[in-house]
Amino acid sequence: MADTVSVWQTISGSGALSALYLCAVIFLLLTEKKKSRRLLLVYFPLILTVALLCPVTYRIFAQMLDEEIYYRFYWMLPMTTTLAYSGVRLYELYRGRWRPLFGAAILALFMLCGDYVYDSWQFAAAENEYHIPQAVVDICDEIHREGKEVVAVFPSELMQYVRQYDCTICMPYGRDVLYLDIYDELYCLMEETEEPNAGEICQLASERGCAYIVVSWSKKIKGSLQQCGYVYATTVDGYALYFNEEMLIG
């Protein structure tokens, strides 16, 4: 039970909006007459919440899927719809002279219970129309080869955006190494805090058909990639690009 409660607490934030949602569900349970709306906005959320808070359900899905994505099942709760509909219903029930102020008070309550999501550290101002780091756009434009498939080694801060921009550029490892704890020797070498060995990086990269190795200028590497089959091509947005023409596919 502790695991399911912990997931609920994590997605609830301060808990104010969740408490307001619970009040809205109770309000509709007492006032809503249409069966279809009661089914969608009252019965379904209550049954789903009980099921998701059940430790047995949590264990089943944890074995079938990944525990870290369990919170996504709570997205099925029609919270926005329920709050909006219950707010309108409450406004309709009030017929007093202060009705406009009452409606404004309902809207203010919704706003105060919520949070400005863009204050979160997980959000940053978009650098371009693609909403990905500009360095990814510039590097992909530089290494793109028309009619050819390019395999490139990217550092972790860039690799999860590459395929969003150019699907002809592949990588020897993907974002699964970040989130699923999958061991990859080349990735570990690229992400070492101490100086990784240039020869080992080049050997693993060439074995996996990598035409480019992308390395941040701030990254210190033991030895020289240029002495191991890769030639320095250019620098783009603070990242050095090393190229091995023999690895181009197509």
Protein backbone atom coordinates (compact mmCIF):
# COMPACT_ATOMS: atom_id res chain seq x y z
CA MET A 1 0.00 0.00 0.00
CA ALA A 2 2.91 2.32 0.74
CA ASP A 3 4.09 2.14 -2.89
CA THR A 4 0.72 3.12 -4.36
CA VAL A 5 0.26 5.93 -1.84
CA SER A 6 3.75 7.20 -2.68
CA VAL A 7 2.88 7.31 -6.40
CA TRP A 8 -0.31 9.22 -5.64
CA GLN A 9 1.53 11.72 -3.45
CA THR A 10 4.13 12.25 -6.17
CA ILE A 11 1.61 13.10 -8.87
CA SER A 12 -0.58 15.16 -6.51
CA GLY A 13 2.00 17.83 -5.77
CA SER A 14 0.69 20.01 -2.95
CA GLY A 15 -2.55 18.02 -2.97
CA ALA A 16 -4.80 21.09 -3.31
CA LEU A 17 -5.99 20.26 -6.82
CA SER A 18 -6.53 16.60 -5.91
CA ALA A 19 -8.62 17.63 -2.90
CA LEU A 20 -10.66 19.96 -5.12
CA TYR A 21 -11.14 17.14 -7.62
CA LEU A 22 -12.41 14.85 -4.85
CA CYS A 23 -14.88 17.54 -3.79
CA ALA A 24 -16.04 17.86 -7.41
CA VAL A 25 -16.63 14.10 -7.69
CA ILE A 26 -18.64 14.10 -4.43
CA PHE A 27 -20.62 17.12 -5.63
CA LEU A 28 -21.55 15.38 -8.88
CA LEU A 29 -22.36 12.19 -7.01
CA LEU A 30 -24.97 14.14 -5.04
CA THR A 31 -26.34 16.38 -7.80
CA GLU A 32 -25.81 14.82 -11.24
CA LYS A 33 -28.90 13.03 -12.57
CA LYS A 34 -27.81 11.84 -16.01
CA LYS A 35 -26.56 8.26 -15.82
CA SER A 36 -24.04 8.63 -18.65
CA ARG A 37 -22.32 11.58 -16.94
CA ARG A 38 -22.40 9.86 -13.54
CA LEU A 39 -20.76 6.83 -15.15
CA LEU A 40 -18.01 8.88 -16.82
CA LEU A 41 -17.32 11.50 -14.14
CA VAL A 42 -18.18 9.68 -10.90
CA TYR A 43 -18.27 5.88 -11.04
CA PHE A 44 -15.38 5.35 -13.45
CA PRO A 45 -12.92 7.64 -11.56
CA LEU A 46 -13.84 6.09 -8.21
CA ILE A 47 -13.39 2.51 -9.46
CA LEU A 48 -10.16 3.41 -11.25
CA THR A 49 -8.71 5.16 -8.19
CA VAL A 50 -9.54 2.22 -5.91
CA ALA A 51 -7.97 -0.18 -8.44
CA LEU A 52 -4.80 1.90 -8.80
CA LEU A 53 -4.39 2.29 -5.03
CA CYS A 54 -4.67 -1.48 -4.59
CA PRO A 55 -1.21 -3.01 -3.88
CA VAL A 56 -2.13 -6.12 -5.89
CA THR A 57 -2.77 -4.01 -9.01
CA TYR A 58 0.53 -2.21 -8.48
CA ARG A 59 2.47 -5.48 -8.22
CA ILE A 60 0.84 -6.94 -11.34
CA PHE A 61 1.67 -3.91 -13.47
CA ALA A 62 5.14 -3.61 -11.92
CA GLN A 63 5.93 -7.13 -13.11
CA MET A 64 4.36 -6.67 -16.55
CA LEU A 65 5.68 -3.16 -17.20
CA ASP A 66 7.99 -0.71 -15.47
CA GLU A 67 7.21 0.63 -12.00
CA GLU A 68 8.36 4.10 -13.05
CA ILE A 69 5.49 4.50 -15.54
CA TYR A 70 2.73 3.39 -13.14
CA TYR A 71 1.80 7.02 -12.45
CA ARG A 72 0.69 7.40 -16.06
CA PHE A 73 -2.43 5.33 -15.39
CA TYR A 74 -3.70 8.22 -13.28
CA TRP A 75 -3.84 10.27 -16.46
CA MET A 76 -7.03 8.36 -17.28
CA LEU A 77 -8.82 10.24 -14.50
CA PRO A 78 -10.94 12.96 -16.19
CA MET A 79 -9.79 15.60 -13.72
CA THR A 80 -9.93 18.62 -16.02
CA THR A 81 -13.32 17.69 -17.44
CA THR A 82 -14.77 16.96 -14.01
CA LEU A 83 -13.54 20.22 -12.48
CA ALA A 84 -14.78 22.28 -15.43
CA TYR A 85 -18.18 20.60 -15.52
CA SER A 86 -18.71 20.71 -11.77
CA GLY A 87 -17.72 24.39 -11.74
CA VAL A 88 -20.34 25.17 -14.41
CA ARG A 89 -22.96 23.09 -12.58
CA LEU A 90 -22.25 24.89 -9.32
CA TYR A 91 -22.50 28.24 -11.10
CA GLU A 92 -25.86 27.25 -12.62
CA LEU A 93 -27.28 26.30 -9.23
CA TYR A 94 -26.52 29.70 -7.73
CA ARG A 95 -29.16 32.28 -8.70
CA GLY A 96 -28.25 35.12 -6.34
CA ARG A 97 -27.46 38.70 -7.30
CA TRP A 98 -23.76 38.10 -6.78
CA ARG A 99 -23.65 35.39 -9.44
CA PRO A 100 -20.86 37.00 -11.55
CA LEU A 101 -18.66 37.31 -8.46
CA PHE A 102 -19.50 33.74 -7.51
CA GLY A 103 -18.35 32.55 -10.94
CA ALA A 104 -15.15 34.58 -10.63
CA ALA A 105 -14.55 33.03 -7.20
CA ILE A 106 -14.84 29.53 -8.69
CA LEU A 107 -12.26 30.38 -11.36
CA ALA A 108 -9.95 31.94 -8.75
CA LEU A 109 -10.20 28.80 -6.63
CA PHE A 110 -9.15 26.64 -9.58
CA MET A 111 -6.20 28.93 -10.24
CA LEU A 112 -5.05 29.04 -6.61
CA CYS A 113 -5.19 25.25 -6.29
CA GLY A 114 -3.06 24.78 -9.38
CA ASP A 115 0.54 25.64 -10.07
CA TYR A 116 2.38 27.46 -12.84
CA VAL A 117 4.07 24.49 -14.54
CA TYR A 118 6.68 26.58 -16.34
CA ASP A 119 8.32 27.42 -13.01
CA SER A 120 9.53 23.83 -12.87
CA TRP A 121 13.21 23.06 -13.54
CA GLN A 122 11.99 20.56 -16.15
CA PHE A 123 10.91 23.39 -18.46
CA ALA A 124 13.12 25.75 -20.41
CA ALA A 125 12.50 28.36 -23.07
CA ALA A 126 12.36 26.84 -26.55
CA GLU A 127 15.49 27.49 -28.61
CA ASN A 128 13.78 26.83 -31.96
CA GLU A 129 10.53 25.74 -33.60
CA TYR A 130 11.39 22.08 -33.00
CA HIS A 131 11.57 22.56 -29.22
CA ILE A 132 14.86 20.71 -28.99
CA PRO A 133 18.38 22.00 -28.22
CA GLN A 134 19.74 24.10 -31.08
CA ALA A 135 23.01 22.16 -30.88
CA VAL A 136 21.14 19.01 -31.98
CA VAL A 137 19.69 20.82 -35.00
CA ASP A 138 23.05 22.28 -36.05
CA ILE A 139 24.98 19.03 -35.55
CA CYS A 140 22.39 16.94 -37.41
CA ASP A 141 22.41 19.42 -40.31
CA GLU A 142 26.18 19.15 -40.41
CA ILE A 143 26.43 15.36 -40.46
CA HIS A 144 23.34 14.61 -42.59
CA ARG A 145 24.15 12.85 -45.86
CA GLU A 146 21.44 12.72 -48.50
CA GLY A 147 20.58 9.14 -49.39
CA LYS A 148 22.81 7.68 -46.70
CA GLU A 149 22.22 6.42 -43.19
CA VAL A 150 24.59 8.04 -40.72
CA VAL A 151 25.40 6.38 -37.41
CA ALA A 152 26.80 8.77 -34.81
CA VAL A 153 27.80 8.67 -31.16
CA PHE A 154 26.19 11.51 -29.20
CA PRO A 155 26.68 12.49 -25.55
CA SER A 156 23.72 11.78 -23.26
CA GLU A 157 22.49 15.39 -23.11
CA LEU A 158 21.83 15.37 -26.86
CA MET A 159 21.03 11.81 -27.89
CA GLN A 160 17.36 11.71 -26.86
CA TYR A 161 16.56 14.56 -29.27
CA VAL A 162 18.40 13.39 -32.39
CA ARG A 163 15.73 11.10 -33.82
CA GLN A 164 13.07 13.75 -33.23
CA TYR A 165 14.82 15.94 -35.74
CA ASP A 166 16.41 13.60 -38.30
CA CYS A 167 15.33 9.97 -38.60
CA THR A 168 18.16 9.16 -41.04
CA ILE A 169 20.69 9.61 -38.23
CA CYS A 170 21.02 6.55 -36.02
CA MET A 171 22.93 5.88 -32.81
CA PRO A 172 24.64 2.80 -31.35
CA TYR A 173 22.57 3.22 -28.19
CA GLY A 174 19.36 5.05 -27.37
CA ARG A 175 17.54 6.66 -24.47
CA ASP A 176 16.88 3.21 -22.99
CA VAL A 177 20.36 3.30 -21.48
CA LEU A 178 19.25 6.38 -19.52
CA TYR A 179 15.97 5.09 -18.16
CA LEU A 180 16.15 1.28 -18.15
CA ASP A 181 19.63 0.85 -16.64
CA ILE A 182 20.81 -1.07 -19.71
CA TYR A 183 24.58 -1.47 -19.72
CA ASP A 184 26.39 -0.29 -22.82
CA GLU A 185 30.19 -0.18 -22.83
CA LEU A 186 30.48 2.61 -25.40
CA TYR A 187 27.94 4.76 -23.55
CA CYS A 188 29.79 4.24 -20.27
CA LEU A 189 33.06 5.29 -21.88
CA MET A 190 31.50 8.43 -23.35
CA GLU A 191 29.98 9.39 -20.02
CA GLU A 192 32.96 8.68 -17.76
CA THR A 193 33.72 11.58 -15.43
CA GLU A 194 37.42 10.80 -15.58
CA GLU A 195 39.32 10.87 -18.86
CA PRO A 196 38.03 8.03 -21.10
CA ASN A 197 40.46 6.27 -23.43
CA ALA A 198 40.30 7.54 -27.03
CA GLY A 199 41.45 4.21 -28.46
CA GLU A 200 38.69 2.26 -26.73
CA ILE A 201 36.05 4.75 -27.86
CA CYS A 202 37.20 4.56 -31.48
CA GLN A 203 37.39 0.77 -31.45
CA LEU A 204 33.87 0.34 -30.08
CA ALA A 205 32.49 3.07 -32.35
CA SER A 206 34.01 1.52 -35.49
CA GLU A 207 32.80 -1.96 -34.49
CA ARG A 208 29.26 -0.56 -34.39
CA GLY A 209 29.52 1.32 -37.66
CA CYS A 210 29.66 4.87 -36.28
CA ALA A 211 30.66 7.43 -38.90
CA TYR A 212 30.75 10.29 -36.38
CA ILE A 213 31.77 10.74 -32.78
CA VAL A 214 30.38 13.87 -31.16
CA VAL A 215 32.26 15.09 -28.09
CA SER A 216 31.82 18.21 -25.99
CA TRP A 217 34.86 20.50 -25.93
CA SER A 218 34.66 20.42 -22.13
CA LYS A 219 35.15 16.64 -22.17
CA LYS A 220 38.73 15.56 -21.52
CA ILE A 221 39.78 12.41 -23.38
CA LYS A 222 42.96 10.42 -22.81
CA GLY A 223 44.77 10.23 -26.12
CA SER A 224 43.58 11.50 -29.50
CA LEU A 225 40.61 10.32 -31.51
CA GLN A 226 42.45 11.50 -34.65
CA GLN A 227 45.13 8.86 -34.11
CA CYS A 228 42.54 6.08 -33.98
CA GLY A 229 40.87 6.26 -37.39
CA TYR A 230 38.62 9.28 -36.86
CA VAL A 231 39.47 12.66 -38.38
CA TYR A 232 38.49 15.97 -36.82
CA ALA A 233 35.78 17.49 -39.05
CA THR A 234 34.53 20.66 -37.38
CA THR A 235 33.17 22.19 -34.20
CA VAL A 236 29.45 22.95 -33.85
CA ASP A 237 27.98 24.78 -30.86
CA GLY A 238 30.75 23.68 -28.53
CA TYR A 239 30.86 20.05 -29.76
CA ALA A 240 33.75 18.57 -31.73
CA LEU A 241 32.82 16.24 -34.59
CA TYR A 242 35.16 13.41 -35.58
CA PHE A 243 34.49 11.58 -38.86
CA ASN A 244 35.30 8.17 -40.34
CA GLU A 245 34.17 8.08 -43.99
CA GLU A 246 34.47 4.30 -44.25
CA MET A 247 31.52 3.94 -41.85
CA LEU A 248 28.94 5.68 -44.03
CA ILE A 249 26.09 3.35 -44.97
CA GLY A 250 24.33 3.40 -48.34
